[in-house]
């Protein structure tokens, strides 16, 4: 069994949290952050099991924030 460390990006939309794995392209949601992450993990695992040829050597992304001033 292979193990990968991937990036998870979360944001809130109304009453749900949306979680995305940008390296693989999977997206899922949940009512809590924990549920959204668990759902994303399961979706990503299933995707990689069904499409092993897409299991390329992805490296984790560096996610940070920026501050922008505008008028």
Protein backbone atom coordinates (compact mmCIF):
# COMPACT_ATOMS: atom_id res chain seq x y z
CA UNK A 1 0.00 0.00 0.00
CA UNK A 2 1.33 3.43 -0.96
CA UNK A 3 1.09 6.56 1.18
CA UNK A 4 1.27 10.15 -0.07
CA UNK A 5 1.20 13.50 1.65
CA UNK A 6 -1.06 15.83 -0.32
CA UNK A 7 -2.42 19.34 0.12
CA UNK A 8 -5.95 20.02 1.36
CA UNK A 9 -7.45 23.48 0.85
CA UNK A 10 -10.67 24.29 2.69
CA UNK A 11 -13.17 27.10 2.50
CA UNK A 12 -16.68 27.63 3.78
CA UNK A 13 -19.69 27.97 1.48
CA UNK A 14 -22.86 28.86 3.37
CA UNK A 15 -23.35 26.00 5.85
CA UNK A 16 -20.82 23.54 4.36
CA UNK A 17 -17.03 23.26 4.25
CA UNK A 18 -15.50 22.45 0.87
CA UNK A 19 -12.18 20.60 0.77
CA UNK A 20 -10.00 20.30 -2.34
CA UNK A 21 -6.84 18.35 -3.12
CA UNK A 22 -5.18 20.42 -5.90
CA UNK A 23 -2.52 17.82 -6.79
CA UNK A 24 -5.13 15.18 -7.66
CA UNK A 25 -8.14 17.37 -8.43
CA UNK A 26 -10.56 15.79 -5.97
CA UNK A 27 -13.14 17.89 -4.13
CA UNK A 28 -15.60 16.98 -1.37
CA UNK A 29 -17.58 18.67 1.38
CA UNK A 30 -18.89 18.26 4.91
CA UNK A 31 -20.80 20.06 7.64
CA UNK A 32 -17.60 20.35 9.70
CA UNK A 33 -13.93 20.77 8.80
CA UNK A 34 -13.24 17.27 10.10
CA UNK A 35 -16.06 15.76 8.01
CA UNK A 36 -14.94 17.62 4.88
CA UNK A 37 -11.35 16.38 5.34
CA UNK A 38 -12.48 12.80 5.97
CA UNK A 39 -14.69 12.90 2.86
CA UNK A 40 -11.84 14.37 0.79
CA UNK A 41 -9.45 11.70 2.02
CA UNK A 42 -11.90 8.96 1.06
CA UNK A 43 -12.62 10.51 -2.36
CA UNK A 44 -8.91 10.87 -3.07
CA UNK A 45 -8.15 7.30 -1.97
CA UNK A 46 -10.91 5.93 -4.21
CA UNK A 47 -9.78 8.06 -7.13
CA UNK A 48 -6.16 6.87 -6.84
CA UNK A 49 -7.28 3.24 -6.55
CA UNK A 50 -9.44 3.53 -9.69
CA UNK A 51 -6.92 5.55 -11.71
CA UNK A 52 -3.46 4.27 -10.68
CA UNK A 53 -1.98 5.46 -13.98
CA UNK A 54 -2.63 9.04 -12.80
CA UNK A 55 -0.62 8.44 -9.63
CA UNK A 56 2.25 10.63 -10.72
CA UNK A 57 5.02 11.83 -8.46
CA UNK A 58 3.30 14.88 -7.02
CA UNK A 59 4.96 17.00 -4.40
CA UNK A 60 2.94 18.92 -1.81
CA UNK A 61 2.13 22.52 -2.62
CA UNK A 62 3.19 25.36 -0.41
CA UNK A 63 0.09 27.31 0.62
CA UNK A 64 0.38 30.75 2.19
CA UNK A 65 -1.53 33.99 2.25
CA UNK A 66 -0.83 37.37 0.71
CA UNK A 67 -1.99 40.85 1.64
CA UNK A 68 -3.26 43.06 -1.18
CA UNK A 69 -4.17 46.74 -0.99
CA UNK A 70 -6.78 48.05 -3.38
CA UNK A 71 -9.01 51.06 -3.87
